[in-house]
Amino acid sequence: MAASYIRVRRVCARLVACNGQALALQPGSRFYGQGRGLQKLPGGLKVGKTALSVAFVLGGTLGLYHTVRHCLKQELHRAQQQYPKEPSSGLSLTLYQYKTCPFCSKVRAFLDFHSLPYEIVEVNPVLRKEIKFSNYRKVPILIGDDGEKVQINDSSVIISAVKTYLLSRHRNLTRVISYYPEMKSKNEKGKEVVEYNNKYWVMLEEQDENQFYPTKEARKEEMKWRKWVDDWLVHLISPNVYRTPGEALDSFDYIVREGKFGPFEGFFAKYFGAAAMFFVSKRLKSRHHLHDDVRQDLYKAVDQWVAAVGKHRPFMGGELPNLADLAVYGVLRVMEGLKAFDDMMENTKIKAWYKRMEKNIQNSQAVNCCSNH
């Protein structure tokens, strides 16, 4: 009985912190008696202390039950506000990717966090025959089918479009894609480039906007840092993982193991690719005006991100990651297992946030795995 009392009391104390409605148990309360004394109740009724303690425990348990139920209802309501229900089983997703591509990793982080099932097609980076159906020759490419097949290009467009689809009151993927039109132009070298209008916007109906973005600043902050990932953070990856000939060789060893290479292709990709990317990384360093020691740019960038998240919240999205959190995490995790990643973890303040992100993604995947069984 004493053990039950302690357990009930501990749980109640936690619930008090949760919503202030848990049963208050005073430190001096006695839920079990010593000896066989009687306790006099209002009205002159006398009962044994053991019976009285049982009554207290039963009453406390009933109160605890209603409190837990109320707490769970509140939590469910909060979760429903933050994220919509999963799409119907009528939606199928296929991701064409290179596993070690930071843009592809960014999309996978988003899909995994939202517990969206999808098939992966690993693209051969040399022949790219897996995407011969597409005029768009980059990855990632996402094929969505909700009764009509739709191709979505560009990692940020994929994320914004699928998020919009999840939040839409009238889900139609073809309609959602029309919100992100292609814009073709030529760069300073005369090469045609494709950009996408609204690529960082999640399209919400006016009555839903406050539900998912409590303030205008929350939406602006998310968009700002998603753009920062594409414009800056992602360009720090190659110069850092191919920083030296040894690191370039280690990186390509990982790429060949994880990518879709034949034995002959793999050998040449590892050694010739490593040599080529070592020199390419030097050009990238010059193009993006990086320091001679490119690690300093990486350290500065991730500490800038940690400072933007701040100490008062676990994620930029608050209690749960937002699209900016997922983008940063997706890009950084492609360095896992490489020296650049270990150096980053040791020399910056990113570790605590990164571990929280890792846990959130794993928990979401576990939920999806269980629901599929």
Protein backbone atom coordinates (compact mmCIF):
# COMPACT_ATOMS: atom_id res chain seq x y z
CA MET A 1 0.00 0.00 0.00
CA ALA A 2 2.86 2.39 0.83
CA ALA A 3 4.45 1.69 -2.54
CA SER A 4 1.13 2.42 -4.27
CA TYR A 5 0.84 5.66 -2.40
CA ILE A 6 4.34 6.75 -3.39
CA ARG A 7 3.78 5.85 -7.05
CA VAL A 8 0.43 7.67 -7.15
CA ARG A 9 1.94 10.68 -5.45
CA ARG A 10 4.88 10.86 -7.85
CA VAL A 11 2.63 10.66 -10.90
CA CYS A 12 0.33 13.30 -9.47
CA ALA A 13 3.27 15.61 -8.83
CA ARG A 14 4.23 15.32 -12.48
CA LEU A 15 0.68 16.06 -13.53
CA VAL A 16 0.61 19.16 -11.36
CA ALA A 17 3.53 20.44 -13.41
CA CYS A 18 1.67 19.50 -16.59
CA ASN A 19 -1.62 21.35 -16.10
CA GLY A 20 -2.12 22.22 -12.47
CA GLN A 21 -5.20 20.01 -12.15
CA ALA A 22 -3.76 16.89 -10.57
CA LEU A 23 -4.84 15.73 -7.14
CA ALA A 24 -2.81 17.57 -4.49
CA LEU A 25 -1.36 15.17 -1.90
CA GLN A 26 0.01 16.78 1.22
CA PRO A 27 3.40 15.58 2.48
CA GLY A 28 1.93 14.87 5.91
CA SER A 29 -0.94 12.67 4.70
CA ARG A 30 -1.03 9.10 6.05
CA PHE A 31 -2.45 6.55 3.67
CA TYR A 32 -1.72 3.58 5.87
CA GLY A 33 -2.15 3.16 9.63
CA GLN A 34 -0.04 1.58 12.28
CA GLY A 35 -2.02 -0.52 14.75
CA ARG A 36 -5.78 -0.76 14.72
CA GLY A 37 -6.84 2.73 15.70
CA LEU A 38 -10.16 4.18 14.54
CA GLN A 39 -10.61 7.49 12.72
CA LYS A 40 -13.72 9.53 13.47
CA LEU A 41 -15.40 10.97 10.38
CA PRO A 42 -17.99 13.77 10.17
CA GLY A 43 -21.36 12.51 11.42
CA GLY A 44 -19.81 10.35 14.13
CA LEU A 45 -19.00 7.36 11.89
CA LYS A 46 -15.91 5.48 13.00
CA VAL A 47 -13.78 3.49 10.59
CA GLY A 48 -10.44 1.75 10.82
CA LYS A 49 -7.36 3.55 9.53
CA THR A 50 -6.75 0.79 6.98
CA ALA A 51 -10.25 1.25 5.56
CA LEU A 52 -9.76 4.98 5.51
CA SER A 53 -6.45 4.66 3.68
CA VAL A 54 -8.06 2.38 1.10
CA ALA A 55 -10.80 4.97 0.59
CA PHE A 56 -8.18 7.68 0.11
CA VAL A 57 -6.25 5.58 -2.42
CA LEU A 58 -9.40 4.65 -4.35
CA GLY A 59 -10.53 8.25 -4.40
CA GLY A 60 -7.08 9.45 -5.36
CA THR A 61 -6.84 6.85 -8.13
CA LEU A 62 -10.21 7.92 -9.52
CA GLY A 63 -9.12 11.53 -9.45
CA LEU A 64 -5.83 10.57 -11.06
CA TYR A 65 -7.67 8.67 -13.81
CA HIS A 66 -9.75 11.72 -14.72
CA THR A 67 -6.70 13.97 -14.54
CA VAL A 68 -4.63 11.71 -16.81
CA ARG A 69 -7.57 11.48 -19.21
CA HIS A 70 -7.87 15.26 -19.30
CA CYS A 71 -4.11 15.66 -19.76
CA LEU A 72 -4.06 13.20 -22.64
CA LYS A 73 -6.99 14.97 -24.29
CA GLN A 74 -5.12 18.25 -24.08
CA GLU A 75 -1.98 16.68 -25.54
CA LEU A 76 -3.95 15.07 -28.37
CA HIS A 77 -5.59 18.40 -29.14
CA ARG A 78 -2.18 20.10 -29.25
CA ALA A 79 -0.80 17.40 -31.56
CA GLN A 80 -3.79 17.72 -33.89
CA GLN A 81 -3.24 21.45 -34.05
CA GLN A 82 0.46 21.09 -34.77
CA TYR A 83 0.22 18.32 -37.34
CA PRO A 84 -2.66 17.00 -39.41
CA LYS A 85 -3.80 13.44 -39.67
CA GLU A 86 -1.81 11.19 -41.96
CA PRO A 87 -2.93 11.19 -45.58
CA SER A 88 -5.17 8.42 -46.78
CA SER A 89 -3.65 5.17 -47.96
CA GLY A 90 -4.51 6.37 -51.48
CA LEU A 91 -1.32 8.49 -51.54
CA SER A 92 1.87 6.74 -52.62
CA LEU A 93 5.28 8.40 -52.75
CA THR A 94 8.47 7.39 -54.58
CA LEU A 95 11.72 9.26 -53.97
CA TYR A 96 14.48 9.21 -56.60
CA GLN A 97 17.71 10.06 -54.83
CA TYR A 98 21.40 9.69 -54.13
CA LYS A 99 21.62 8.60 -50.51
CA THR A 100 24.58 10.85 -49.76
CA CYS A 101 23.06 13.95 -51.40
CA PRO A 102 22.25 16.62 -48.74
CA PHE A 103 19.16 17.79 -50.64
CA CYS A 104 17.83 14.21 -50.75
CA SER A 105 18.63 13.72 -47.08
CA LYS A 106 16.64 16.87 -46.33
CA VAL A 107 13.55 15.39 -48.05
CA ARG A 108 13.94 12.05 -46.23
CA ALA A 109 14.14 13.84 -42.88
CA PHE A 110 10.86 15.60 -43.65
CA LEU A 111 9.06 12.44 -44.82
CA ASP A 112 10.35 10.38 -41.89
CA PHE A 113 9.38 12.99 -39.31
CA HIS A 114 5.84 13.11 -40.68
CA SER A 115 5.66 9.28 -40.72
CA LEU A 116 4.96 9.23 -44.45
CA PRO A 117 5.70 5.87 -46.11
CA TYR A 118 7.67 6.12 -49.35
CA GLU A 119 9.69 3.97 -51.71
CA ILE A 120 13.29 4.83 -52.55
CA VAL A 121 14.87 4.46 -55.97
CA GLU A 122 18.64 4.89 -55.72
CA VAL A 123 19.85 6.61 -58.87
CA ASN A 124 23.14 5.69 -60.53
CA PRO A 125 25.01 9.01 -60.46
CA VAL A 126 26.90 8.22 -63.67
CA LEU A 127 24.26 6.83 -66.03
CA ARG A 128 21.14 8.14 -64.23
CA LYS A 129 19.00 5.72 -66.21
CA GLU A 130 16.53 5.51 -63.31
CA ILE A 131 15.36 9.06 -64.08
CA LYS A 132 15.43 8.83 -67.89
CA PHE A 133 11.66 9.45 -67.81
CA SER A 134 12.32 13.00 -66.55
CA ASN A 135 13.46 16.12 -68.37
CA TYR A 136 14.62 17.34 -64.97
CA ARG A 137 17.96 15.56 -64.52
CA LYS A 138 18.72 16.34 -60.89
CA VAL A 139 17.74 14.64 -57.66
CA PRO A 140 15.71 14.55 -55.55
CA ILE A 141 12.60 13.86 -57.59
CA LEU A 142 9.41 12.83 -55.82
CA ILE A 143 6.60 11.05 -57.63
CA GLY A 144 3.30 11.37 -55.80
CA ASP A 145 0.21 9.42 -56.74
CA ASP A 146 -3.16 10.15 -55.15
CA GLY A 147 -5.09 8.83 -58.15
CA GLU A 148 -3.06 10.93 -60.57
CA LYS A 149 0.73 10.83 -60.84
CA VAL A 150 2.55 14.07 -60.19
CA GLN A 151 6.29 14.76 -60.40
CA ILE A 152 7.73 17.23 -57.91
CA ASN A 153 11.25 18.59 -58.40
CA ASP A 154 13.58 20.51 -56.06
CA SER A 155 13.95 19.55 -52.40
CA SER A 156 12.40 22.71 -50.97
CA VAL A 157 9.45 22.58 -53.37
CA ILE A 158 8.89 18.91 -52.47
CA ILE A 159 8.79 19.76 -48.76
CA SER A 160 6.55 22.81 -49.13
CA ALA A 161 4.18 21.03 -51.52
CA VAL A 162 3.79 17.86 -49.45
CA LYS A 163 3.34 19.90 -46.26
CA THR A 164 0.66 21.97 -48.03
CA TYR A 165 -1.01 18.75 -49.16
CA LEU A 166 -1.05 17.42 -45.59
CA LEU A 167 -2.62 20.62 -44.26
CA SER A 168 -5.05 21.13 -47.11
CA ARG A 169 -8.74 20.78 -46.39
CA HIS A 170 -9.30 19.45 -49.90
CA ARG A 171 -6.32 17.27 -50.69
CA ASN A 172 -5.37 17.22 -54.35
CA LEU A 173 -1.69 16.91 -55.24
CA THR A 174 -2.09 18.20 -58.79
CA ARG A 175 -3.73 21.36 -57.49
CA VAL A 176 -1.07 21.83 -54.84
CA ILE A 177 1.75 21.65 -57.41
CA SER A 178 0.14 24.48 -59.39
CA TYR A 179 1.00 26.76 -56.46
CA TYR A 180 4.72 26.31 -57.23
CA PRO A 181 5.20 27.24 -60.93
CA GLU A 182 8.52 26.78 -62.71
CA MET A 183 10.42 29.89 -63.78
CA LYS A 184 13.06 29.37 -66.47
CA SER A 185 15.80 31.89 -67.06
CA LYS A 186 19.45 32.10 -68.09
CA ASN A 187 22.29 32.78 -65.73
CA GLU A 188 25.31 35.00 -66.36
CA LYS A 189 26.98 32.18 -68.31
CA GLY A 190 23.99 31.78 -70.61
CA LYS A 191 22.97 28.46 -69.08
CA GLU A 192 19.27 27.83 -68.57
CA VAL A 193 18.29 27.52 -64.93
CA VAL A 194 14.98 26.61 -63.37
CA GLU A 195 13.64 28.29 -60.26
CA TYR A 196 10.33 27.87 -58.48
CA ASN A 197 7.98 30.54 -57.28
CA ASN A 198 6.90 30.33 -53.63
CA LYS A 199 9.29 27.43 -52.91
CA TYR A 200 9.49 28.21 -49.16
CA TRP A 201 5.78 28.90 -48.69
CA VAL A 202 3.39 26.42 -47.11
CA MET A 203 0.05 27.37 -48.63
CA LEU A 204 -2.64 27.67 -45.96
CA GLU A 205 -6.17 28.91 -46.01
CA GLU A 206 -6.58 32.04 -43.94
CA GLN A 207 -8.56 30.34 -41.18
CA ASP A 208 -5.80 27.74 -40.72
CA GLU A 209 -2.79 30.05 -40.68
CA ASN A 210 -2.88 30.96 -36.99
CA GLN A 211 -3.34 27.32 -36.04
CA PHE A 212 -0.05 26.25 -37.60
CA TYR A 213 1.88 29.53 -37.37
CA PRO A 214 0.89 31.24 -34.09
CA THR A 215 2.66 34.44 -35.19
CA LYS A 216 3.75 35.97 -38.47
CA GLU A 217 7.27 35.97 -37.09
CA ALA A 218 7.17 32.15 -36.75
CA ARG A 219 6.43 31.73 -40.45
CA LYS A 220 9.02 34.32 -41.50
CA GLU A 221 11.66 32.73 -39.27
CA GLU A 222 11.02 29.27 -40.71
CA MET A 223 11.23 30.55 -44.30
CA LYS A 224 14.36 32.61 -43.60
CA TRP A 225 16.30 29.65 -42.22
CA ARG A 226 15.08 27.20 -44.87
CA LYS A 227 16.47 29.61 -47.47
CA TRP A 228 19.70 29.93 -45.45
CA VAL A 229 20.12 26.16 -45.63
CA ASP A 230 19.88 26.19 -49.45
CA ASP A 231 21.89 29.36 -50.00
CA TRP A 232 24.67 28.79 -47.49
CA LEU A 233 24.78 25.71 -45.26
CA VAL A 234 24.57 23.15 -48.06
CA HIS A 235 27.55 24.78 -49.83
CA LEU A 236 29.76 24.11 -46.81
CA ILE A 237 29.36 20.33 -47.02
CA SER A 238 31.54 19.46 -50.05
CA PRO A 239 34.49 21.72 -49.13
CA ASN A 240 34.51 20.12 -45.68
CA VAL A 241 34.10 16.45 -46.57
CA TYR A 242 36.64 16.72 -49.44
CA ARG A 243 38.97 19.05 -47.54
CA THR A 244 42.09 16.87 -47.89
CA PRO A 245 42.94 13.96 -50.23
CA GLY A 246 42.52 11.55 -47.31
CA GLU A 247 39.12 12.93 -46.34
CA ALA A 248 38.03 12.90 -49.99
CA LEU A 249 38.98 9.21 -50.26
CA ASP A 250 37.08 8.40 -47.05
CA SER A 251 34.04 10.28 -48.35
CA PHE A 252 34.02 8.43 -51.67
CA ASP A 253 34.50 5.12 -49.93
CA TYR A 254 31.24 5.88 -48.10
CA ILE A 255 29.54 7.12 -51.29
CA VAL A 256 30.44 3.96 -53.19
CA ARG A 257 29.25 1.72 -50.35
CA GLU A 258 25.92 3.53 -50.05
CA GLY A 259 25.34 4.40 -53.70
CA LYS A 260 24.26 2.37 -56.70
CA PHE A 261 27.60 1.46 -58.29
CA GLY A 262 28.76 -1.68 -60.02
CA PRO A 263 32.17 -3.15 -59.01
CA PHE A 264 33.99 -1.55 -61.95
CA GLU A 265 32.20 1.78 -61.59
CA GLY A 266 32.76 1.73 -57.86
CA PHE A 267 36.53 1.37 -58.17
CA PHE A 268 36.87 4.29 -60.58
CA ALA A 269 34.33 6.38 -58.70
CA LYS A 270 36.21 5.94 -55.45
CA TYR A 271 39.67 6.89 -56.65
CA PHE A 272 39.06 9.19 -59.60
CA GLY A 273 35.97 10.72 -58.00
CA ALA A 274 37.86 11.45 -54.78
CA ALA A 275 40.68 13.14 -56.71
CA ALA A 276 38.23 15.14 -58.81
CA MET A 277 36.16 16.29 -55.85
CA PHE A 278 39.24 17.31 -53.91
CA PHE A 279 40.00 19.84 -56.65
CA VAL A 280 36.34 20.77 -57.10
CA SER A 281 36.12 21.55 -53.39
CA LYS A 282 38.95 24.03 -53.82
CA ARG A 283 36.98 25.82 -56.55
CA LEU A 284 33.87 25.79 -54.35
CA LYS A 285 35.90 27.32 -51.53
CA SER A 286 36.90 30.15 -53.82
CA ARG A 287 33.41 30.59 -55.31
CA HIS A 288 31.76 30.93 -51.90
CA HIS A 289 34.62 32.97 -50.39
CA LEU A 290 35.38 30.47 -47.66
CA HIS A 291 38.34 30.58 -45.29
CA ASP A 292 41.46 28.59 -46.05
CA ASP A 293 40.41 26.40 -43.13
CA VAL A 294 36.86 25.62 -44.26
CA ARG A 295 36.08 24.05 -40.89
CA GLN A 296 35.84 27.56 -39.45
CA ASP A 297 33.00 28.40 -41.84
CA LEU A 298 31.19 25.19 -40.88
CA TYR A 299 31.64 25.85 -37.16
CA LYS A 300 30.46 29.43 -37.50
CA ALA A 301 27.38 28.41 -39.50
CA VAL A 302 26.16 25.71 -37.11
CA ASP A 303 26.77 27.91 -34.06
CA GLN A 304 24.81 30.65 -35.82
CA TRP A 305 21.95 28.16 -36.19
CA VAL A 306 22.14 27.11 -32.52
CA ALA A 307 22.05 30.79 -31.48
CA ALA A 308 18.96 31.34 -33.66
CA VAL A 309 17.17 28.42 -31.99
CA GLY A 310 18.13 29.87 -28.61
CA LYS A 311 18.19 28.37 -25.14
CA HIS A 312 14.50 28.84 -24.35
CA ARG A 313 13.17 26.25 -26.81
CA PRO A 314 14.34 22.77 -27.86
CA PHE A 315 13.72 23.44 -31.56
CA MET A 316 13.13 26.46 -33.77
CA GLY A 317 9.59 25.12 -34.10
CA GLY A 318 9.17 25.13 -30.30
CA GLU A 319 8.35 21.81 -28.68
CA LEU A 320 8.46 20.10 -32.08
CA PRO A 321 10.78 20.64 -35.06
CA ASN A 322 9.59 22.88 -37.88
CA LEU A 323 10.64 22.75 -41.53
CA ALA A 324 13.80 24.75 -40.84
CA ASP A 325 14.88 22.29 -38.12
CA LEU A 326 14.31 19.39 -40.50
CA ALA A 327 16.25 21.08 -43.31
CA VAL A 328 19.31 21.79 -41.16
CA TYR A 329 19.29 18.29 -39.69
CA GLY A 330 18.85 16.64 -43.09
CA VAL A 331 21.81 18.50 -44.59
CA LEU A 332 24.18 17.96 -41.65
CA ARG A 333 23.54 14.25 -41.23
CA VAL A 334 25.07 13.36 -44.63
CA MET A 335 28.43 13.95 -42.94
CA GLU A 336 27.83 11.29 -40.28
CA GLY A 337 30.70 8.80 -40.11
CA LEU A 338 33.16 11.30 -41.62
CA LYS A 339 35.83 13.40 -39.93
CA ALA A 340 34.03 16.64 -40.75
CA PHE A 341 31.02 15.49 -38.71
CA ASP A 342 33.12 14.43 -35.71
CA ASP A 343 34.99 17.74 -35.77
CA MET A 344 31.71 19.66 -35.97
CA MET A 345 30.27 17.82 -32.97
CA GLU A 346 33.41 18.42 -30.93
CA ASN A 347 33.99 22.08 -31.77
CA THR A 348 30.50 23.59 -31.88
CA LYS A 349 27.36 23.78 -29.72
CA ILE A 350 25.22 21.73 -32.14
CA LYS A 351 25.35 18.39 -30.33
CA ALA A 352 22.40 18.77 -27.94
CA TRP A 353 20.04 20.05 -30.65
CA TYR A 354 21.24 17.41 -33.11
CA LYS A 355 20.60 14.58 -30.63
CA ARG A 356 17.09 15.90 -29.95
CA MET A 357 16.42 15.94 -33.70
CA GLU A 358 17.81 12.44 -34.10
CA LYS A 359 15.53 11.17 -31.33
CA ASN A 360 12.46 12.84 -32.84
CA ILE A 361 13.09 11.33 -36.27
CA GLN A 362 13.68 7.87 -34.79
CA ASN A 363 10.51 8.09 -32.70
CA SER A 364 8.47 9.08 -35.76
CA GLN A 365 9.91 6.19 -37.76
CA ALA A 366 9.14 3.77 -34.92
CA VAL A 367 5.52 4.96 -34.82
CA ASN A 368 5.22 4.50 -38.58
CA CYS A 369 6.82 1.04 -38.40
CA CYS A 370 4.41 -0.09 -35.67
CA SER A 371 1.36 1.31 -37.49
CA ASN A 372 2.35 -0.59 -40.65
CA HIS A 373 2.32 -3.84 -38.71
